[in-house]
Amino acid sequence: MQPLKYAVFIMVWFNVLLAGWLAAYMLYDPESWYNFVPGVTDTGFFNQHFIRDIGIIQGFIALGFAVGWFREDRRIELWGAATLWLIAHATFHLWEVAVGICSSSVLLRDFPAVSMPALFGIAATAWAWGQSARGIAVVSPGKSF
């Protein structure tokens, strides 16, 4: 496996595992998740429905990255859609700091679970786009976009 493809593999599967774990945890035991993740209790009262809604989104993110790894013909769309949500989530965290809702120290605390998945998604989607632009992605005969 080429070094760049290996790096993309790590980034994609980091996102699959993190989002999959978050989905399972948030859906199965939202109150435990609420109390376990640093800083979450500072953002408002426990809301089981809201946490499970986000857990469903995390499940779709995990699914999008996983399916995209195996379906080269759908990779850009799947990774791009999942990455858009991750970018919006990370931007929201930046906005909270910018307007004074949170201190800047939360950006470092939240980086592994908020900003890093978005950056990994951007990098992986850009790589997939580059592979497609060079004609490297293989589309099975008879399949159309």
N, C-alpha and C. Protein backbone atom coordinates (compact mmCIF):
# COMPACT_ATOMS: atom_id res chain seq x y z
N MET A 1 0.86 -1.17 0.00
CA MET A 1 0.00 0.00 0.00
C MET A 1 0.90 1.24 0.00
N GLN A 2 0.60 2.18 -0.85
CA GLN A 2 1.39 3.40 -0.94
C GLN A 2 1.32 4.17 0.38
N PRO A 3 2.38 4.91 0.73
CA PRO A 3 2.36 5.64 2.01
C PRO A 3 1.18 6.61 2.16
N LEU A 4 0.85 7.33 1.10
CA LEU A 4 -0.26 8.28 1.19
C LEU A 4 -1.59 7.54 1.37
N LYS A 5 -1.76 6.45 0.63
CA LYS A 5 -3.00 5.68 0.78
C LYS A 5 -3.09 5.08 2.18
N TYR A 6 -1.96 4.68 2.73
CA TYR A 6 -1.92 4.14 4.09
C TYR A 6 -2.34 5.22 5.09
N ALA A 7 -1.85 6.45 4.91
CA ALA A 7 -2.23 7.56 5.79
C ALA A 7 -3.72 7.85 5.69
N VAL A 8 -4.25 7.83 4.47
CA VAL A 8 -5.70 8.05 4.28
C VAL A 8 -6.48 6.92 4.95
N PHE A 9 -6.00 5.69 4.81
CA PHE A 9 -6.63 4.54 5.46
C PHE A 9 -6.74 4.78 6.97
N ILE A 10 -5.66 5.24 7.57
CA ILE A 10 -5.66 5.50 9.02
C ILE A 10 -6.66 6.60 9.37
N MET A 11 -6.66 7.69 8.59
CA MET A 11 -7.58 8.79 8.87
C MET A 11 -9.04 8.37 8.73
N VAL A 12 -9.33 7.65 7.66
CA VAL A 12 -10.71 7.21 7.42
C VAL A 12 -11.16 6.27 8.52
N TRP A 13 -10.34 5.30 8.87
CA TRP A 13 -10.77 4.33 9.88
C TRP A 13 -10.76 4.91 11.28
N PHE A 14 -9.95 5.95 11.53
CA PHE A 14 -10.08 6.69 12.79
C PHE A 14 -11.49 7.28 12.86
N ASN A 15 -11.92 7.92 11.77
CA ASN A 15 -13.26 8.52 11.74
C ASN A 15 -14.36 7.46 11.87
N VAL A 16 -14.18 6.32 11.21
CA VAL A 16 -15.17 5.25 11.32
C VAL A 16 -15.28 4.77 12.77
N LEU A 17 -14.14 4.50 13.37
CA LEU A 17 -14.17 3.97 14.74
C LEU A 17 -14.68 4.99 15.75
N LEU A 18 -14.22 6.23 15.64
CA LEU A 18 -14.68 7.26 16.57
C LEU A 18 -16.18 7.51 16.41
N ALA A 19 -16.62 7.74 15.19
CA ALA A 19 -18.04 8.02 14.96
C ALA A 19 -18.90 6.80 15.31
N GLY A 20 -18.42 5.61 15.01
CA GLY A 20 -19.16 4.39 15.35
C GLY A 20 -19.28 4.21 16.86
N TRP A 21 -18.18 4.47 17.57
CA TRP A 21 -18.21 4.37 19.03
C TRP A 21 -19.15 5.42 19.60
N LEU A 22 -19.06 6.66 19.10
CA LEU A 22 -19.95 7.71 19.59
C LEU A 22 -21.41 7.35 19.32
N ALA A 23 -21.69 6.84 18.14
CA ALA A 23 -23.07 6.47 17.80
C ALA A 23 -23.59 5.42 18.77
N ALA A 24 -22.82 4.37 18.97
CA ALA A 24 -23.27 3.30 19.85
C ALA A 24 -23.45 3.79 21.28
N TYR A 25 -22.49 4.55 21.77
CA TYR A 25 -22.53 5.04 23.15
C TYR A 25 -23.70 6.02 23.34
N MET A 26 -23.85 6.95 22.41
CA MET A 26 -24.90 7.97 22.54
C MET A 26 -26.30 7.36 22.41
N LEU A 27 -26.43 6.36 21.58
CA LEU A 27 -27.74 5.73 21.40
C LEU A 27 -28.07 4.76 22.54
N TYR A 28 -27.08 4.03 23.00
CA TYR A 28 -27.32 3.01 24.03
C TYR A 28 -27.45 3.61 25.42
N ASP A 29 -26.54 4.55 25.76
CA ASP A 29 -26.53 5.09 27.13
C ASP A 29 -26.22 6.59 27.09
N PRO A 30 -27.18 7.40 26.65
CA PRO A 30 -26.92 8.83 26.48
C PRO A 30 -26.53 9.54 27.78
N GLU A 31 -27.10 9.13 28.89
CA GLU A 31 -26.77 9.81 30.16
C GLU A 31 -25.34 9.53 30.58
N SER A 32 -24.88 8.31 30.40
CA SER A 32 -23.50 7.98 30.71
C SER A 32 -22.55 8.75 29.79
N TRP A 33 -22.88 8.83 28.50
CA TRP A 33 -22.07 9.59 27.55
C TRP A 33 -21.99 11.05 27.99
N TYR A 34 -23.13 11.62 28.36
CA TYR A 34 -23.22 13.02 28.79
C TYR A 34 -22.27 13.29 29.96
N ASN A 35 -22.21 12.38 30.90
CA ASN A 35 -21.36 12.56 32.08
C ASN A 35 -19.91 12.15 31.85
N PHE A 36 -19.65 11.33 30.83
CA PHE A 36 -18.30 10.81 30.58
C PHE A 36 -17.44 11.77 29.76
N VAL A 37 -17.99 12.40 28.75
CA VAL A 37 -17.20 13.21 27.82
C VAL A 37 -16.89 14.56 28.47
N PRO A 38 -15.60 14.90 28.58
CA PRO A 38 -15.23 16.16 29.23
C PRO A 38 -15.87 17.38 28.56
N GLY A 39 -16.44 18.25 29.38
CA GLY A 39 -16.99 19.50 28.89
C GLY A 39 -18.45 19.45 28.49
N VAL A 40 -18.99 18.29 28.26
CA VAL A 40 -20.38 18.20 27.78
C VAL A 40 -21.35 18.74 28.83
N THR A 41 -21.10 18.43 30.10
CA THR A 41 -22.02 18.90 31.14
C THR A 41 -22.00 20.42 31.27
N ASP A 42 -20.96 21.07 30.76
CA ASP A 42 -20.87 22.54 30.79
C ASP A 42 -21.70 23.20 29.69
N THR A 43 -22.20 22.42 28.74
CA THR A 43 -22.89 23.00 27.58
C THR A 43 -24.40 23.07 27.74
N GLY A 44 -24.92 22.56 28.82
CA GLY A 44 -26.37 22.61 29.03
C GLY A 44 -26.85 21.37 29.75
N PHE A 45 -28.14 21.37 30.01
CA PHE A 45 -28.75 20.25 30.73
C PHE A 45 -28.79 18.99 29.86
N PHE A 46 -28.86 17.85 30.54
CA PHE A 46 -28.98 16.56 29.86
C PHE A 46 -30.27 16.52 29.04
N ASN A 47 -30.14 16.12 27.79
CA ASN A 47 -31.31 15.98 26.90
C ASN A 47 -31.13 14.69 26.11
N GLN A 48 -31.77 13.63 26.59
CA GLN A 48 -31.64 12.30 26.00
C GLN A 48 -31.97 12.30 24.50
N HIS A 49 -33.04 12.97 24.12
CA HIS A 49 -33.46 12.99 22.73
C HIS A 49 -32.38 13.65 21.85
N PHE A 50 -31.88 14.79 22.28
CA PHE A 50 -30.86 15.52 21.51
C PHE A 50 -29.59 14.68 21.36
N ILE A 51 -29.15 14.05 22.43
CA ILE A 51 -27.94 13.23 22.37
C ILE A 51 -28.14 12.06 21.42
N ARG A 52 -29.29 11.43 21.46
CA ARG A 52 -29.55 10.32 20.55
C ARG A 52 -29.66 10.78 19.10
N ASP A 53 -30.21 11.98 18.87
CA ASP A 53 -30.23 12.55 17.52
C ASP A 53 -28.81 12.66 16.97
N ILE A 54 -27.92 13.19 17.79
CA ILE A 54 -26.52 13.34 17.36
C ILE A 54 -25.88 11.97 17.19
N GLY A 55 -26.26 11.01 18.03
CA GLY A 55 -25.75 9.65 17.88
C GLY A 55 -26.13 9.05 16.53
N ILE A 56 -27.34 9.33 16.07
CA ILE A 56 -27.77 8.86 14.75
C ILE A 56 -26.90 9.49 13.66
N ILE A 57 -26.64 10.78 13.79
CA ILE A 57 -25.77 11.46 12.82
C ILE A 57 -24.38 10.82 12.83
N GLN A 58 -23.85 10.55 14.01
CA GLN A 58 -22.52 9.92 14.10
C GLN A 58 -22.53 8.55 13.43
N GLY A 59 -23.63 7.83 13.55
CA GLY A 59 -23.75 6.53 12.88
C GLY A 59 -23.68 6.67 11.36
N PHE A 60 -24.36 7.69 10.83
CA PHE A 60 -24.30 7.92 9.39
C PHE A 60 -22.91 8.35 8.95
N ILE A 61 -22.20 9.11 9.79
CA ILE A 61 -20.83 9.50 9.46
C ILE A 61 -19.95 8.26 9.39
N ALA A 62 -20.05 7.39 10.38
CA ALA A 62 -19.26 6.15 10.38
C ALA A 62 -19.59 5.31 9.15
N LEU A 63 -20.86 5.18 8.85
CA LEU A 63 -21.29 4.41 7.69
C LEU A 63 -20.78 5.02 6.39
N GLY A 64 -20.86 6.33 6.27
CA GLY A 64 -20.39 7.00 5.05
C GLY A 64 -18.91 6.78 4.81
N PHE A 65 -18.10 6.91 5.84
CA PHE A 65 -16.66 6.70 5.67
C PHE A 65 -16.35 5.23 5.40
N ALA A 66 -17.03 4.32 6.10
CA ALA A 66 -16.77 2.88 5.90
C ALA A 66 -17.18 2.44 4.50
N VAL A 67 -18.39 2.77 4.09
CA VAL A 67 -18.86 2.37 2.76
C VAL A 67 -17.99 3.02 1.68
N GLY A 68 -17.62 4.28 1.89
CA GLY A 68 -16.78 4.97 0.93
C GLY A 68 -15.42 4.32 0.73
N TRP A 69 -14.91 3.68 1.76
CA TRP A 69 -13.62 3.00 1.61
C TRP A 69 -13.73 1.85 0.61
N PHE A 70 -14.85 1.16 0.65
CA PHE A 70 -15.05 0.00 -0.21
C PHE A 70 -15.69 0.33 -1.55
N ARG A 71 -16.38 1.44 -1.64
CA ARG A 71 -17.07 1.83 -2.88
C ARG A 71 -16.37 3.06 -3.46
N GLU A 72 -15.33 2.82 -4.23
CA GLU A 72 -14.56 3.91 -4.81
C GLU A 72 -15.43 4.81 -5.69
N ASP A 73 -16.43 4.23 -6.34
CA ASP A 73 -17.28 5.01 -7.23
C ASP A 73 -18.20 5.97 -6.47
N ARG A 74 -18.35 5.80 -5.17
CA ARG A 74 -19.21 6.68 -4.36
C ARG A 74 -18.42 7.40 -3.27
N ARG A 75 -17.13 7.21 -3.26
CA ARG A 75 -16.28 7.70 -2.17
C ARG A 75 -16.36 9.21 -1.98
N ILE A 76 -16.24 9.98 -3.04
CA ILE A 76 -16.21 11.43 -2.91
C ILE A 76 -17.51 11.94 -2.28
N GLU A 77 -18.64 11.45 -2.77
CA GLU A 77 -19.92 11.91 -2.24
C GLU A 77 -20.11 11.50 -0.78
N LEU A 78 -19.78 10.25 -0.45
CA LEU A 78 -19.98 9.77 0.91
C LEU A 78 -19.06 10.47 1.89
N TRP A 79 -17.77 10.54 1.56
CA TRP A 79 -16.83 11.21 2.45
C TRP A 79 -17.09 12.70 2.50
N GLY A 80 -17.46 13.29 1.36
CA GLY A 80 -17.74 14.72 1.32
C GLY A 80 -18.93 15.09 2.20
N ALA A 81 -20.00 14.32 2.12
CA ALA A 81 -21.18 14.60 2.94
C ALA A 81 -20.87 14.46 4.42
N ALA A 82 -20.19 13.39 4.79
CA ALA A 82 -19.83 13.19 6.20
C ALA A 82 -18.91 14.31 6.68
N THR A 83 -17.98 14.70 5.83
CA THR A 83 -17.03 15.76 6.18
C THR A 83 -17.71 17.11 6.34
N LEU A 84 -18.73 17.38 5.55
CA LEU A 84 -19.44 18.65 5.71
C LEU A 84 -20.03 18.80 7.11
N TRP A 85 -20.61 17.72 7.63
CA TRP A 85 -21.15 17.79 8.99
C TRP A 85 -20.02 17.98 9.99
N LEU A 86 -18.91 17.26 9.81
CA LEU A 86 -17.78 17.39 10.73
C LEU A 86 -17.22 18.82 10.71
N ILE A 87 -17.15 19.43 9.52
CA ILE A 87 -16.68 20.81 9.41
C ILE A 87 -17.65 21.76 10.13
N ALA A 88 -18.94 21.56 9.92
CA ALA A 88 -19.94 22.41 10.59
C ALA A 88 -19.83 22.29 12.10
N HIS A 89 -19.63 21.08 12.59
CA HIS A 89 -19.50 20.85 14.03
C HIS A 89 -18.26 21.55 14.58
N ALA A 90 -17.14 21.40 13.90
CA ALA A 90 -15.89 22.05 14.34
C ALA A 90 -16.02 23.57 14.27
N THR A 91 -16.66 24.07 13.23
CA THR A 91 -16.86 25.52 13.09
C THR A 91 -17.73 26.06 14.22
N PHE A 92 -18.74 25.30 14.60
CA PHE A 92 -19.59 25.70 15.71
C PHE A 92 -18.79 25.82 17.00
N HIS A 93 -17.86 24.89 17.23
CA HIS A 93 -17.00 24.96 18.41
C HIS A 93 -16.12 26.20 18.36
N LEU A 94 -15.59 26.52 17.18
CA LEU A 94 -14.79 27.75 17.03
C LEU A 94 -15.64 28.99 17.29
N TRP A 95 -16.87 28.99 16.79
CA TRP A 95 -17.77 30.12 16.99
C TRP A 95 -18.04 30.34 18.47
N GLU A 96 -18.26 29.25 19.22
CA GLU A 96 -18.52 29.38 20.65
C GLU A 96 -17.37 30.08 21.37
N VAL A 97 -16.14 29.80 20.94
CA VAL A 97 -14.98 30.47 21.52
C VAL A 97 -14.93 31.93 21.06
N ALA A 98 -15.18 32.15 19.77
CA ALA A 98 -15.10 33.50 19.21
C ALA A 98 -16.07 34.48 19.86
N VAL A 99 -17.25 34.01 20.24
CA VAL A 99 -18.25 34.90 20.83
C VAL A 99 -18.21 34.88 22.37
N GLY A 100 -17.28 34.13 22.94
CA GLY A 100 -17.10 34.15 24.39
C GLY A 100 -17.93 33.17 25.19
N ILE A 101 -18.58 32.24 24.53
CA ILE A 101 -19.36 31.23 25.26
C ILE A 101 -18.42 30.27 25.99
N CYS A 102 -17.31 29.94 25.33
CA CYS A 102 -16.31 29.04 25.90
C CYS A 102 -14.94 29.70 25.85
N SER A 103 -14.06 29.26 26.71
CA SER A 103 -12.69 29.77 26.66
C SER A 103 -11.92 29.03 25.58
N SER A 104 -10.83 29.62 25.14
CA SER A 104 -10.05 29.02 24.05
C SER A 104 -9.44 27.67 24.46
N SER A 105 -9.34 27.40 25.75
CA SER A 105 -8.76 26.14 26.19
C SER A 105 -9.60 24.93 25.75
N VAL A 106 -10.89 25.14 25.48
CA VAL A 106 -11.72 24.01 25.07
C VAL A 106 -11.34 23.52 23.67
N LEU A 107 -10.74 24.38 22.86
CA LEU A 107 -10.35 23.94 21.51
C LEU A 107 -9.32 22.83 21.57
N LEU A 108 -8.37 22.95 22.48
CA LEU A 108 -7.36 21.90 22.63
C LEU A 108 -7.98 20.64 23.22
N ARG A 109 -8.84 20.81 24.21
CA ARG A 109 -9.50 19.67 24.84
C ARG A 109 -10.36 18.91 23.82
N ASP A 110 -11.07 19.65 22.97
CA ASP A 110 -12.00 19.05 22.03
C ASP A 110 -11.35 18.60 20.72
N PHE A 111 -10.11 18.99 20.49
CA PHE A 111 -9.46 18.76 19.20
C PHE A 111 -9.55 17.31 18.72
N PRO A 112 -9.20 16.32 19.54
CA PRO A 112 -9.20 14.93 19.03
C PRO A 112 -10.57 14.43 18.56
N ALA A 113 -11.64 14.90 19.17
CA ALA A 113 -12.97 14.39 18.82
C ALA A 113 -13.80 15.34 17.97
N VAL A 114 -13.31 16.58 17.76
CA VAL A 114 -14.10 17.55 17.01
C VAL A 114 -13.34 18.03 15.77
N SER A 115 -12.20 18.66 15.97
CA SER A 115 -11.47 19.25 14.84
C SER A 115 -10.70 18.21 14.03
N MET A 116 -10.07 17.26 14.70
CA MET A 116 -9.27 16.27 13.99
C MET A 116 -10.10 15.42 13.02
N PRO A 117 -11.29 14.93 13.41
CA PRO A 117 -12.09 14.19 12.43
C PRO A 117 -12.44 15.04 11.20
N ALA A 118 -12.72 16.33 11.41
CA ALA A 118 -13.02 17.21 10.27
C ALA A 118 -11.79 17.36 9.37
N LEU A 119 -10.62 17.56 9.97
CA LEU A 119 -9.40 17.68 9.17
C LEU A 119 -9.09 16.38 8.44
N PHE A 120 -9.29 15.25 9.11
CA PHE A 120 -9.09 13.95 8.46
C PHE A 120 -10.07 13.78 7.30
N GLY A 121 -11.32 14.18 7.50
CA GLY A 121 -12.31 14.08 6.43
C GLY A 121 -11.94 14.94 5.24
N ILE A 122 -11.47 16.16 5.50
CA ILE A 122 -11.04 17.05 4.41
C ILE A 122 -9.89 16.42 3.65
N ALA A 123 -8.90 15.92 4.37
CA ALA A 123 -7.73 15.32 3.72
C ALA A 123 -8.11 14.08 2.92
N ALA A 124 -8.94 13.22 3.49
CA ALA A 124 -9.34 11.99 2.79
C ALA A 124 -10.18 12.30 1.56
N THR A 125 -11.10 13.25 1.69
CA THR A 125 -11.95 13.61 0.55
C THR A 125 -11.11 14.26 -0.55
N ALA A 126 -10.16 15.10 -0.17
CA ALA A 126 -9.28 15.73 -1.16
C ALA A 126 -8.45 14.66 -1.87
N TRP A 127 -7.97 13.68 -1.12
CA TRP A 127 -7.21 12.58 -1.72
C TRP A 127 -8.08 11.80 -2.70
N ALA A 128 -9.31 11.50 -2.30
CA ALA A 128 -10.22 10.76 -3.18
C ALA A 128 -10.51 11.56 -4.45
N TRP A 129 -10.70 12.86 -4.28
CA TRP A 129 -10.94 13.74 -5.43
C TRP A 129 -9.74 13.70 -6.38
N GLY A 130 -8.54 13.77 -5.82
CA GLY A 130 -7.33 13.69 -6.63
C GLY A 130 -7.19 12.37 -7.35
N GLN A 131 -7.52 11.28 -6.68
CA GLN A 131 -7.48 9.96 -7.31
C GLN A 131 -8.46 9.90 -8.47
N SER A 132 -9.64 10.43 -8.26
CA SER A 132 -10.68 10.43 -9.29
C SER A 132 -10.27 11.30 -10.47
N ALA A 133 -9.70 12.46 -10.20
CA ALA A 133 -9.29 13.39 -11.26
C ALA A 133 -8.20 12.80 -12.14
N ARG A 134 -7.37 11.95 -11.57
CA ARG A 134 -6.31 11.31 -12.34
C ARG A 134 -6.77 10.02 -13.00
N GLY A 135 -8.05 9.68 -12.79
CA GLY A 135 -8.58 8.47 -13.41
C GLY A 135 -8.16 7.20 -12.71
N ILE A 136 -7.73 7.31 -11.46
CA ILE A 136 -7.26 6.13 -10.74
C ILE A 136 -8.42 5.33 -10.17
N ALA A 137 -9.48 6.01 -9.76
CA ALA A 137 -10.64 5.30 -9.19
C ALA A 137 -11.25 4.41 -10.27
N VAL A 138 -11.56 3.20 -9.88
CA VAL A 138 -12.12 2.25 -10.84
C VAL A 138 -13.63 2.22 -10.68
N VAL A 139 -14.33 2.36 -11.77
CA VAL A 139 -15.78 2.25 -11.78
C VAL A 139 -16.11 0.96 -12.51
N SER A 140 -16.91 0.13 -11.88
CA SER A 140 -17.27 -1.14 -12.47
C SER A 140 -18.03 -0.93 -13.78
N PRO A 141 -17.83 -1.81 -14.78
CA PRO A 141 -18.57 -1.70 -16.03
C PRO A 141 -20.07 -1.76 -15.77
N GLY A 142 -20.81 -0.96 -16.47
CA GLY A 142 -22.25 -0.96 -16.34
C GLY A 142 -22.78 -0.04 -15.27
N LYS A 143 -21.88 0.48 -14.43
CA LYS A 143 -22.32 1.40 -13.38
C LYS A 143 -22.20 2.83 -13.91
N SER A 144 -23.16 3.62 -13.54
CA SER A 144 -23.12 5.03 -13.95
C SER A 144 -23.09 5.90 -12.71
N PHE A 145 -22.68 7.11 -12.89
CA PHE A 145 -22.66 8.07 -11.79
C PHE A 145 -24.01 8.64 -11.71
